[in-house]
């Protein structure tokens, strides 16, 4: 299954550069947690302050299962808290990354 999500970064060029640098060296525990949750591939793209994430998953993946796994993983919690200094959730969103609706496919 493919999921597409979006998020905005704080509009600060220095923070954006730092965010990108951190993603060049994602902690091994974070990479392991991504794979362990059933995500087979993850890509993040940026345009200005807007981020776009594409996730490919296997049949074991669910957002609920991933949330439970993340809550129980201190390294994931540490990473997520670190990322908060760069990220800016959308108004009214209950989570940082927001699932996008597919509106076209050919």
PDB file of N, CA and C in Angstrom:
ATOM      1  N   UNK A   1       0.853  -1.172   0.000  1.00  0.00           N
ATOM      2  CA  UNK A   1       0.000   0.000   0.000  1.00  0.00           C
ATOM      3  C   UNK A   1       0.899   1.236   0.000  1.00  0.00           C
ATOM      4  N   UNK A   2       0.448   2.272  -0.652  1.00  0.00           N
ATOM      5  CA  UNK A   2       1.183   3.536  -0.689  1.00  0.00           C
ATOM      6  C   UNK A   2       0.387   4.594   0.078  1.00  0.00           C
ATOM      7  N   UNK A   3       1.107   5.333   0.913  1.00  0.00           N
ATOM      8  CA  UNK A   3       0.519   6.452   1.652  1.00  0.00           C
ATOM      9  C   UNK A   3       1.339   7.695   1.354  1.00  0.00           C
ATOM     10  N   UNK A   4       0.657   8.819   1.213  1.00  0.00           N
ATOM     11  CA  UNK A   4       1.309  10.111   0.996  1.00  0.00           C
ATOM     12  C   UNK A   4       0.885  11.042   2.117  1.00  0.00           C
ATOM     13  N   UNK A   5       1.879  11.671   2.729  1.00  0.00           N
ATOM     14  CA  UNK A   5       1.624  12.559   3.855  1.00  0.00           C
ATOM     15  C   UNK A   5       2.340  13.879   3.633  1.00  0.00           C
ATOM     16  N   UNK A   6       1.891  14.907   4.342  1.00  0.00           N
ATOM     17  CA  UNK A   6       2.506  16.216   4.197  1.00  0.00           C
ATOM     18  C   UNK A   6       2.660  16.879   5.563  1.00  0.00           C
ATOM     19  N   UNK A   7       3.572  17.834   5.601  1.00  0.00           N
ATOM     20  CA  UNK A   7       3.901  18.568   6.822  1.00  0.00           C
ATOM     21  C   UNK A   7       4.640  19.827   6.405  1.00  0.00           C
ATOM     22  N   UNK A   8       4.543  20.864   7.190  1.00  0.00           N
ATOM     23  CA  UNK A   8       5.316  22.077   6.927  1.00  0.00           C
ATOM     24  C   UNK A   8       6.451  22.201   7.931  1.00  0.00           C
ATOM     25  N   UNK A   9       7.549  22.759   7.449  1.00  0.00           N
ATOM     26  CA  UNK A   9       8.659  23.114   8.321  1.00  0.00           C
ATOM     27  C   UNK A   9       8.500  24.558   8.761  1.00  0.00           C
ATOM     28  N   UNK A  10       9.120  24.905   9.861  1.00  0.00           N
ATOM     29  CA  UNK A  10       9.178  26.295  10.298  1.00  0.00           C
ATOM     30  C   UNK A  10       9.971  27.067   9.258  1.00  0.00           C
ATOM     31  N   UNK A  11       9.486  28.242   8.913  1.00  0.00           N
ATOM     32  CA  UNK A  11      10.081  29.035   7.833  1.00  0.00           C
ATOM     33  C   UNK A  11      11.336  29.755   8.335  1.00  0.00           C
ATOM     34  N   UNK A  12      12.409  28.985   8.446  1.00  0.00           N
ATOM     35  CA  UNK A  12      13.698  29.499   8.896  1.00  0.00           C
ATOM     36  C   UNK A  12      14.772  28.742   8.116  1.00  0.00           C
ATOM     37  N   UNK A  13      15.459  29.414   7.188  1.00  0.00           N
ATOM     38  CA  UNK A  13      16.438  28.717   6.330  1.00  0.00           C
ATOM     39  C   UNK A  13      17.481  27.915   7.099  1.00  0.00           C
ATOM     40  N   UNK A  14      17.939  28.419   8.227  1.00  0.00           N
ATOM     41  CA  UNK A  14      18.949  27.694   9.014  1.00  0.00           C
ATOM     42  C   UNK A  14      18.361  26.402   9.589  1.00  0.00           C
ATOM     43  N   UNK A  15      17.124  26.475  10.084  1.00  0.00           N
ATOM     44  CA  UNK A  15      16.478  25.276  10.622  1.00  0.00           C
ATOM     45  C   UNK A  15      16.194  24.264   9.523  1.00  0.00           C
ATOM     46  N   UNK A  16      15.788  24.743   8.349  1.00  0.00           N
ATOM     47  CA  UNK A  16      15.515  23.848   7.230  1.00  0.00           C
ATOM     48  C   UNK A  16      16.794  23.122   6.814  1.00  0.00           C
ATOM     49  N   UNK A  17      17.890  23.833   6.736  1.00  0.00           N
ATOM     50  CA  UNK A  17      19.175  23.219   6.401  1.00  0.00           C
ATOM     51  C   UNK A  17      19.558  22.170   7.446  1.00  0.00           C
ATOM     52  N   UNK A  18      19.372  22.512   8.705  1.00  0.00           N
ATOM     53  CA  UNK A  18      19.685  21.582   9.791  1.00  0.00           C
ATOM     54  C   UNK A  18      18.801  20.332   9.712  1.00  0.00           C
ATOM     55  N   UNK A  19      17.527  20.532   9.408  1.00  0.00           N
ATOM     56  CA  UNK A  19      16.589  19.410   9.266  1.00  0.00           C
ATOM     57  C   UNK A  19      17.060  18.460   8.158  1.00  0.00           C
ATOM     58  N   UNK A  20      17.443  19.027   7.032  1.00  0.00           N
ATOM     59  CA  UNK A  20      17.923  18.201   5.928  1.00  0.00           C
ATOM     60  C   UNK A  20      19.211  17.469   6.298  1.00  0.00           C
ATOM     61  N   UNK A  21      20.096  18.139   7.006  1.00  0.00           N
ATOM     62  CA  UNK A  21      21.348  17.494   7.440  1.00  0.00           C
ATOM     63  C   UNK A  21      21.057  16.320   8.369  1.00  0.00           C
ATOM     64  N   UNK A  22      20.112  16.490   9.271  1.00  0.00           N
ATOM     65  CA  UNK A  22      19.761  15.390  10.186  1.00  0.00           C
ATOM     66  C   UNK A  22      19.223  14.193   9.416  1.00  0.00           C
ATOM     67  N   UNK A  23      18.536  14.453   8.308  1.00  0.00           N
ATOM     68  CA  UNK A  23      17.974  13.352   7.527  1.00  0.00           C
ATOM     69  C   UNK A  23      19.000  12.685   6.608  1.00  0.00           C
ATOM     70  N   UNK A  24      20.186  13.232   6.528  1.00  0.00           N
ATOM     71  CA  UNK A  24      21.270  12.555   5.814  1.00  0.00           C
ATOM     72  C   UNK A  24      21.910  11.488   6.696  1.00  0.00           C
ATOM     73  N   UNK A  25      21.677  11.588   8.002  1.00  0.00           N
ATOM     74  CA  UNK A  25      22.252  10.655   8.974  1.00  0.00           C
ATOM     75  C   UNK A  25      21.201  10.242  10.000  1.00  0.00           C
ATOM     76  N   UNK A  26      20.106   9.675   9.512  1.00  0.00           N
ATOM     77  CA  UNK A  26      19.046   9.223  10.418  1.00  0.00           C
ATOM     78  C   UNK A  26      19.598   8.111  11.297  1.00  0.00           C
ATOM     79  N   UNK A  27      19.267   8.177  12.568  1.00  0.00           N
ATOM     80  CA  UNK A  27      19.771   7.194  13.523  1.00  0.00           C
ATOM     81  C   UNK A  27      19.369   5.770  13.099  1.00  0.00           C
ATOM     82  N   UNK A  28      20.244   4.803  13.295  1.00  0.00           N
ATOM     83  CA  UNK A  28      19.928   3.418  12.911  1.00  0.00           C
ATOM     84  C   UNK A  28      18.678   2.873  13.609  1.00  0.00           C
ATOM     85  N   UNK A  29      18.449   3.301  14.845  1.00  0.00           N
ATOM     86  CA  UNK A  29      17.258   2.834  15.576  1.00  0.00           C
ATOM     87  C   UNK A  29      15.972   3.330  14.907  1.00  0.00           C
ATOM     88  N   UNK A  30      16.033   4.511  14.303  1.00  0.00           N
ATOM     89  CA  UNK A  30      14.864   5.064  13.614  1.00  0.00           C
ATOM     90  C   UNK A  30      14.626   4.287  12.327  1.00  0.00           C
ATOM     91  N   UNK A  31      15.699   4.027  11.592  1.00  0.00           N
ATOM     92  CA  UNK A  31      15.575   3.242  10.364  1.00  0.00           C
ATOM     93  C   UNK A  31      15.015   1.849  10.675  1.00  0.00           C
ATOM     94  N   UNK A  32      15.480   1.243  11.760  1.00  0.00           N
ATOM     95  CA  UNK A  32      14.976  -0.077  12.157  1.00  0.00           C
ATOM     96  C   UNK A  32      13.501  -0.006  12.525  1.00  0.00           C
ATOM     97  N   UNK A  33      13.091   1.038  13.226  1.00  0.00           N
ATOM     98  CA  UNK A  33      11.683   1.152  13.627  1.00  0.00           C
ATOM     99  C   UNK A  33      10.780   1.334  12.413  1.00  0.00           C
ATOM    100  N   UNK A  34      11.276   2.023  11.390  1.00  0.00           N
ATOM    101  CA  UNK A  34      10.508   2.198  10.152  1.00  0.00           C
ATOM    102  C   UNK A  34      10.270   0.835   9.513  1.00  0.00           C
ATOM    103  N   UNK A  35      11.332   0.073   9.343  1.00  0.00           N
ATOM    104  CA  UNK A  35      11.215  -1.257   8.718  1.00  0.00           C
ATOM    105  C   UNK A  35      10.376  -2.204   9.568  1.00  0.00           C
ATOM    106  N   UNK A  36      10.584  -2.188  10.897  1.00  0.00           N
ATOM    107  CA  UNK A  36       9.861  -3.091  11.790  1.00  0.00           C
ATOM    108  C   UNK A  36       8.355  -2.836  11.790  1.00  0.00           C
ATOM    109  N   UNK A  37       7.951  -1.619  11.441  1.00  0.00           N
ATOM    110  CA  UNK A  37       6.526  -1.279  11.448  1.00  0.00           C
ATOM    111  C   UNK A  37       5.813  -1.730  10.175  1.00  0.00           C
ATOM    112  N   UNK A  38       6.576  -2.231   9.186  1.00  0.00           N
ATOM    113  CA  UNK A  38       5.962  -2.665   7.945  1.00  0.00           C
ATOM    114  C   UNK A  38       6.109  -1.668   6.812  1.00  0.00           C
ATOM    115  N   UNK A  39       6.893  -0.618   7.031  1.00  0.00           N
ATOM    116  CA  UNK A  39       7.175   0.343   5.963  1.00  0.00           C
ATOM    117  C   UNK A  39       8.355  -0.211   5.179  1.00  0.00           C
ATOM    118  N   UNK A  40       8.135  -0.475   3.899  1.00  0.00           N
ATOM    119  CA  UNK A  40       9.186  -1.058   3.071  1.00  0.00           C
ATOM    120  C   UNK A  40      10.018   0.002   2.369  1.00  0.00           C
ATOM    121  N   UNK A  41       9.457   1.184   2.216  1.00  0.00           N
ATOM    122  CA  UNK A  41      10.162   2.287   1.561  1.00  0.00           C
ATOM    123  C   UNK A  41       9.569   3.601   2.038  1.00  0.00           C
ATOM    124  N   UNK A  42      10.439   4.581   2.284  1.00  0.00           N
ATOM    125  CA  UNK A  42       9.986   5.910   2.687  1.00  0.00           C
ATOM    126  C   UNK A  42      10.862   6.943   1.996  1.00  0.00           C
ATOM    127  N   UNK A  43      10.211   7.931   1.403  1.00  0.00           N
ATOM    128  CA  UNK A  43      10.909   9.046   0.776  1.00  0.00           C
ATOM    129  C   UNK A  43      10.275  10.337   1.273  1.00  0.00           C
ATOM    130  N   UNK A  44      11.113  11.357   1.482  1.00  0.00           N
ATOM    131  CA  UNK A  44      10.621  12.677   1.860  1.00  0.00           C
ATOM    132  C   UNK A  44      11.182  13.685   0.872  1.00  0.00           C
ATOM    133  N   UNK A  45      10.300  14.525   0.334  1.00  0.00           N
ATOM    134  CA  UNK A  45      10.679  15.584  -0.600  1.00  0.00           C
ATOM    135  C   UNK A  45      10.325  16.920   0.026  1.00  0.00           C
ATOM    136  N   UNK A  46      11.021  17.977  -0.386  1.00  0.00           N
ATOM    137  CA  UNK A  46      10.768  19.312   0.145  1.00  0.00           C
ATOM    138  C   UNK A  46      10.642  20.321  -0.988  1.00  0.00           C
ATOM    139  N   UNK A  47       9.671  21.204  -0.839  1.00  0.00           N
ATOM    140  CA  UNK A  47       9.569  22.394  -1.685  1.00  0.00           C
ATOM    141  C   UNK A  47       9.324  23.566  -0.737  1.00  0.00           C
ATOM    142  N   UNK A  48      10.283  24.451  -0.619  1.00  0.00           N
ATOM    143  CA  UNK A  48      10.149  25.545   0.350  1.00  0.00           C
ATOM    144  C   UNK A  48      10.051  24.959   1.744  1.00  0.00           C
ATOM    145  N   UNK A  49       8.962  25.280   2.406  1.00  0.00           N
ATOM    146  CA  UNK A  49       8.749  24.742   3.753  1.00  0.00           C
ATOM    147  C   UNK A  49       7.860  23.499   3.756  1.00  0.00           C
ATOM    148  N   UNK A  50       7.337  23.130   2.607  1.00  0.00           N
ATOM    149  CA  UNK A  50       6.410  21.992   2.518  1.00  0.00           C
ATOM    150  C   UNK A  50       7.171  20.688   2.317  1.00  0.00           C
ATOM    151  N   UNK A  51       6.846  19.700   3.161  1.00  0.00           N
ATOM    152  CA  UNK A  51       7.395  18.356   3.020  1.00  0.00           C
ATOM    153  C   UNK A  51       6.323  17.432   2.471  1.00  0.00           C
ATOM    154  N   UNK A  52       6.751  16.444   1.693  1.00  0.00           N
ATOM    155  CA  UNK A  52       5.867  15.445   1.115  1.00  0.00           C
ATOM    156  C   UNK A  52       6.517  14.091   1.326  1.00  0.00           C
ATOM    157  N   UNK A  53       5.835  13.195   2.015  1.00  0.00           N
ATOM    158  CA  UNK A  53       6.360  11.865   2.318  1.00  0.00           C
ATOM    159  C   UNK A  53       5.573  10.812   1.547  1.00  0.00           C
ATOM    160  N   UNK A  54       6.303   9.877   0.939  1.00  0.00           N
ATOM    161  CA  UNK A  54       5.702   8.723   0.290  1.00  0.00           C
ATOM    162  C   UNK A  54       6.157   7.487   1.054  1.00  0.00           C
ATOM    163  N   UNK A  55       5.203   6.709   1.512  1.00  0.00           N
ATOM    164  CA  UNK A  55       5.509   5.463   2.214  1.00  0.00           C
ATOM    165  C   UNK A  55       4.909   4.297   1.450  1.00  0.00           C
ATOM    166  N   UNK A  56       5.710   3.284   1.225  1.00  0.00           N
ATOM    167  CA  UNK A  56       5.234   2.012   0.696  1.00  0.00           C
ATOM    168  C   UNK A  56       5.262   1.035   1.868  1.00  0.00           C
ATOM    169  N   UNK A  57       4.174   0.275   2.031  1.00  0.00           N
ATOM    170  CA  UNK A  57       4.065  -0.594   3.196  1.00  0.00           C
ATOM    171  C   UNK A  57       3.674  -2.014   2.792  1.00  0.00           C
ATOM    172  N   UNK A  58       3.947  -2.943   3.700  1.00  0.00           N
ATOM    173  CA  UNK A  58       3.475  -4.308   3.493  1.00  0.00           C
ATOM    174  C   UNK A  58       2.175  -4.511   4.274  1.00  0.00           C
ATOM    175  N   UNK A  59       1.666  -5.731   4.257  1.00  0.00           N
ATOM    176  CA  UNK A  59       0.353  -5.998   4.865  1.00  0.00           C
ATOM    177  C   UNK A  59       0.352  -5.898   6.385  1.00  0.00           C
ATOM    178  N   UNK A  60       1.519  -5.887   7.019  1.00  0.00           N
ATOM    179  CA  UNK A  60       1.571  -5.787   8.486  1.00  0.00           C
ATOM    180  C   UNK A  60       1.417  -4.356   8.988  1.00  0.00           C
ATOM    181  N   UNK A  61       1.513  -3.373   8.085  1.00  0.00           N
ATOM    182  CA  UNK A  61       1.501  -1.973   8.504  1.00  0.00           C
ATOM    183  C   UNK A  61       0.097  -1.476   8.811  1.00  0.00           C
ATOM    184  N   UNK A  62       0.008  -0.699   9.896  1.00  0.00           N
ATOM    185  CA  UNK A  62      -1.162   0.141  10.170  1.00  0.00           C
ATOM    186  C   UNK A  62      -0.657   1.341  10.959  1.00  0.00           C
ATOM    187  N   UNK A  63      -1.330   2.470  10.800  1.00  0.00           N
ATOM    188  CA  UNK A  63      -0.937   3.664  11.542  1.00  0.00           C
ATOM    189  C   UNK A  63      -1.097   3.441  13.041  1.00  0.00           C
ATOM    190  N   UNK A  64      -2.112   2.685  13.428  1.00  0.00           N
ATOM    191  CA  UNK A  64      -2.343   2.406  14.852  1.00  0.00           C
ATOM    192  C   UNK A  64      -1.195   1.571  15.422  1.00  0.00           C
ATOM    193  N   UNK A  65      -0.805   0.524  14.698  1.00  0.00           N
ATOM    194  CA  UNK A  65       0.306  -0.331  15.159  1.00  0.00           C
ATOM    195  C   UNK A  65       1.603   0.469  15.241  1.00  0.00           C
ATOM    196  N   UNK A  66       1.858   1.306  14.238  1.00  0.00           N
ATOM    197  CA  UNK A  66       3.075   2.131  14.245  1.00  0.00           C
ATOM    198  C   UNK A  66       3.077   3.071  15.445  1.00  0.00           C
ATOM    199  N   UNK A  67       1.937   3.676  15.747  1.00  0.00           N
ATOM    200  CA  UNK A  67       1.844   4.594  16.891  1.00  0.00           C
ATOM    201  C   UNK A  67       2.166   3.876  18.199  1.00  0.00           C
ATOM    202  N   UNK A  68       1.650   2.667  18.378  1.00  0.00           N
ATOM    203  CA  UNK A  68       1.918   1.890  19.592  1.00  0.00           C
ATOM    204  C   UNK A  68       3.411   1.564  19.672  1.00  0.00           C
ATOM    205  N   UNK A  69       3.987   1.126  18.551  1.00  0.00           N
ATOM    206  CA  UNK A  69       5.420   0.808  18.518  1.00  0.00           C
ATOM    207  C   UNK A  69       6.264   2.042  18.826  1.00  0.00           C
ATOM    208  N   UNK A  70       5.907   3.181  18.231  1.00  0.00           N
ATOM    209  CA  UNK A  70       6.665   4.416  18.454  1.00  0.00           C
ATOM    210  C   UNK A  70       6.580   4.876  19.900  1.00  0.00           C
ATOM    211  N   UNK A  71       5.385   4.762  20.495  1.00  0.00           N
ATOM    212  CA  UNK A  71       5.213   5.176  21.894  1.00  0.00           C
ATOM    213  C   UNK A  71       6.065   4.347  22.843  1.00  0.00           C
ATOM    214  N   UNK A  72       6.333   3.100  22.461  1.00  0.00           N
ATOM    215  CA  UNK A  72       7.105   2.200  23.326  1.00  0.00           C
ATOM    216  C   UNK A  72       8.606   2.255  23.054  1.00  0.00           C
ATOM    217  N   UNK A  73       9.022   3.072  22.096  1.00  0.00           N
ATOM    218  CA  UNK A  73      10.427   3.116  21.700  1.00  0.00           C
ATOM    219  C   UNK A  73      11.053   4.450  22.124  1.00  0.00           C
ATOM    220  N   UNK A  74      11.911   4.435  23.157  1.00  0.00           N
ATOM    221  CA  UNK A  74      12.510   5.685  23.639  1.00  0.00           C
ATOM    222  C   UNK A  74      13.314   6.436  22.574  1.00  0.00           C
ATOM    223  N   UNK A  75      14.001   5.710  21.679  1.00  0.00           N
ATOM    224  CA  UNK A  75      14.781   6.384  20.630  1.00  0.00           C
ATOM    225  C   UNK A  75      13.865   7.103  19.644  1.00  0.00           C
ATOM    226  N   UNK A  76      12.746   6.487  19.300  1.00  0.00           N
ATOM    227  CA  UNK A  76      11.783   7.145  18.406  1.00  0.00           C
ATOM    228  C   UNK A  76      11.238   8.394  19.082  1.00  0.00           C
ATOM    229  N   UNK A  77      10.927   8.291  20.369  1.00  0.00           N
ATOM    230  CA  UNK A  77      10.421   9.457  21.104  1.00  0.00           C
ATOM    231  C   UNK A  77      11.472  10.571  21.136  1.00  0.00           C
ATOM    232  N   UNK A  78      12.719  10.203  21.325  1.00  0.00           N
ATOM    233  CA  UNK A  78      13.809  11.184  21.330  1.00  0.00           C
ATOM    234  C   UNK A  78      13.930  11.862  19.958  1.00  0.00           C
ATOM    235  N   UNK A  79      13.865  11.073  18.885  1.00  0.00           N
ATOM    236  CA  UNK A  79      13.943  11.611  17.520  1.00  0.00           C
ATOM    237  C   UNK A  79      12.761  12.548  17.249  1.00  0.00           C
ATOM    238  N   UNK A  80      11.564  12.101  17.605  1.00  0.00           N
ATOM    239  CA  UNK A  80      10.367  12.917  17.360  1.00  0.00           C
ATOM    240  C   UNK A  80      10.434  14.240  18.127  1.00  0.00           C
ATOM    241  N   UNK A  81      10.903  14.198  19.352  1.00  0.00           N
ATOM    242  CA  UNK A  81      11.058  15.442  20.123  1.00  0.00           C
ATOM    243  C   UNK A  81      12.096  16.361  19.498  1.00  0.00           C
ATOM    244  N   UNK A  82      13.158  15.794  18.959  1.00  0.00           N
ATOM    245  CA  UNK A  82      14.175  16.573  18.271  1.00  0.00           C
ATOM    246  C   UNK A  82      13.588  17.234  17.018  1.00  0.00           C
ATOM    247  N   UNK A  83      12.772  16.492  16.275  1.00  0.00           N
ATOM    248  CA  UNK A  83      12.185  17.004  15.034  1.00  0.00           C
ATOM    249  C   UNK A  83      11.177  18.131  15.279  1.00  0.00           C
ATOM    250  N   UNK A  84      10.611  18.190  16.481  1.00  0.00           N
ATOM    251  CA  UNK A  84       9.621  19.228  16.794  1.00  0.00           C
ATOM    252  C   UNK A  84      10.161  20.644  16.618  1.00  0.00           C
ATOM    253  N   UNK A  85      11.457  20.822  16.785  1.00  0.00           N
ATOM    254  CA  UNK A  85      12.027  22.169  16.656  1.00  0.00           C
ATOM    255  C   UNK A  85      12.031  22.656  15.213  1.00  0.00           C
ATOM    256  N   UNK A  86      11.813  21.742  14.261  1.00  0.00           N
ATOM    257  CA  UNK A  86      11.828  22.084  12.841  1.00  0.00           C
ATOM    258  C   UNK A  86      10.439  22.084  12.207  1.00  0.00           C
ATOM    259  N   UNK A  87       9.541  21.299  12.769  1.00  0.00           N
ATOM    260  CA  UNK A  87       8.263  21.028  12.117  1.00  0.00           C
ATOM    261  C   UNK A  87       7.155  21.942  12.632  1.00  0.00           C
ATOM    262  N   UNK A  88       6.203  22.184  11.734  1.00  0.00           N
ATOM    263  CA  UNK A  88       5.078  23.062  12.038  1.00  0.00           C
ATOM    264  C   UNK A  88       3.795  22.376  11.573  1.00  0.00           C
ATOM    265  N   UNK A  89       3.059  21.737  12.479  1.00  0.00           N
ATOM    266  CA  UNK A  89       1.835  21.042  12.067  1.00  0.00           C
ATOM    267  C   UNK A  89       0.807  22.011  11.469  1.00  0.00           C
ATOM    268  N   UNK A  90      -0.029  21.465  10.600  1.00  0.00           N
ATOM    269  CA  UNK A  90      -1.097  22.270  10.013  1.00  0.00           C
ATOM    270  C   UNK A  90      -2.107  22.664  11.082  1.00  0.00           C
ATOM    271  N   UNK A  91      -2.740  23.814  10.911  1.00  0.00           N
ATOM    272  CA  UNK A  91      -3.778  24.247  11.846  1.00  0.00           C
ATOM    273  C   UNK A  91      -4.878  23.193  11.906  1.00  0.00           C
ATOM    274  N   UNK A  92      -5.260  22.850  13.117  1.00  0.00           N
ATOM    275  CA  UNK A  92      -6.339  21.890  13.322  1.00  0.00           C
ATOM    276  C   UNK A  92      -5.926  20.434  13.215  1.00  0.00           C
ATOM    277  N   UNK A  93      -4.685  20.163  12.864  1.00  0.00           N
ATOM    278  CA  UNK A  93      -4.229  18.773  12.730  1.00  0.00           C
ATOM    279  C   UNK A  93      -3.970  18.180  14.106  1.00  0.00           C
ATOM    280  N   UNK A  94      -4.335  16.915  14.275  1.00  0.00           N
ATOM    281  CA  UNK A  94      -4.094  16.241  15.554  1.00  0.00           C
ATOM    282  C   UNK A  94      -2.746  15.538  15.578  1.00  0.00           C
ATOM    283  N   UNK A  95      -2.123  15.373  14.414  1.00  0.00           N
ATOM    284  CA  UNK A  95      -0.782  14.817  14.346  1.00  0.00           C
ATOM    285  C   UNK A  95       0.076  15.696  13.460  1.00  0.00           C
ATOM    286  N   UNK A  96       1.380  15.475  13.515  1.00  0.00           N
ATOM    287  CA  UNK A  96       2.293  16.300  12.714  1.00  0.00           C
ATOM    288  C   UNK A  96       2.115  16.021  11.235  1.00  0.00           C
ATOM    289  N   UNK A  97       2.371  14.789  10.826  1.00  0.00           N
ATOM    290  CA  UNK A  97       2.229  14.411   9.417  1.00  0.00           C
ATOM    291  C   UNK A  97       0.763  14.141   9.140  1.00  0.00           C
ATOM    292  N   UNK A  98       0.232  14.731   8.069  1.00  0.00           N
ATOM    293  CA  UNK A  98      -1.182  14.598   7.717  1.00  0.00           C
ATOM    294  C   UNK A  98      -1.297  13.750   6.450  1.00  0.00           C
ATOM    295  N   UNK A  99      -2.155  12.742   6.510  1.00  0.00           N
ATOM    296  CA  UNK A  99      -2.406  11.874   5.367  1.00  0.00           C
ATOM    297  C   UNK A  99      -3.125  12.658   4.277  1.00  0.00           C
ATOM    298  N   UNK A 100      -2.613  12.537   3.058  1.00  0.00           N
ATOM    299  CA  UNK A 100      -3.196  13.257   1.925  1.00  0.00           C
ATOM    300  C   UNK A 100      -4.220  12.375   1.219  1.00  0.00           C
ATOM    301  N   UNK A 101      -5.218  13.019   0.607  1.00  0.00           N
ATOM    302  CA  UNK A 101      -6.219  12.310  -0.193  1.00  0.00           C
ATOM    303  C   UNK A 101      -5.759  12.228  -1.635  1.00  0.00           C
ATOM    304  N   UNK A 102      -5.843  11.033  -2.208  1.00  0.00           N
ATOM    305  CA  UNK A 102      -5.512  10.881  -3.625  1.00  0.00           C
ATOM    306  C   UNK A 102      -6.685  11.433  -4.427  1.00  0.00           C
ATOM    307  N   UNK A 103      -6.402  12.325  -5.357  1.00  0.00           N
ATOM    308  CA  UNK A 103      -7.473  12.901  -6.159  1.00  0.00           C
ATOM    309  C   UNK A 103      -7.339  12.576  -7.641  1.00  0.00           C
ATOM    310  N   UNK A 104      -6.226  11.937  -8.047  1.00  0.00           N
ATOM    311  CA  UNK A 104      -6.056  11.581  -9.454  1.00  0.00           C
ATOM    312  C   UNK A 104      -5.079  10.436  -9.583  1.00  0.00           C
ATOM    313  N   UNK A 105      -5.360   9.569 -10.549  1.00  0.00           N
ATOM    314  CA  UNK A 105      -4.430   8.499 -10.917  1.00  0.00           C
ATOM    315  C   UNK A 105      -4.702   8.142 -12.376  1.00  0.00           C
ATOM    316  N   UNK A 106      -3.654   7.911 -13.144  1.00  0.00           N
ATOM    317  CA  UNK A 106      -3.852   7.508 -14.547  1.00  0.00           C
ATOM    318  C   UNK A 106      -3.185   6.169 -14.806  1.00  0.00           C
TER     319      UNK A 106
END
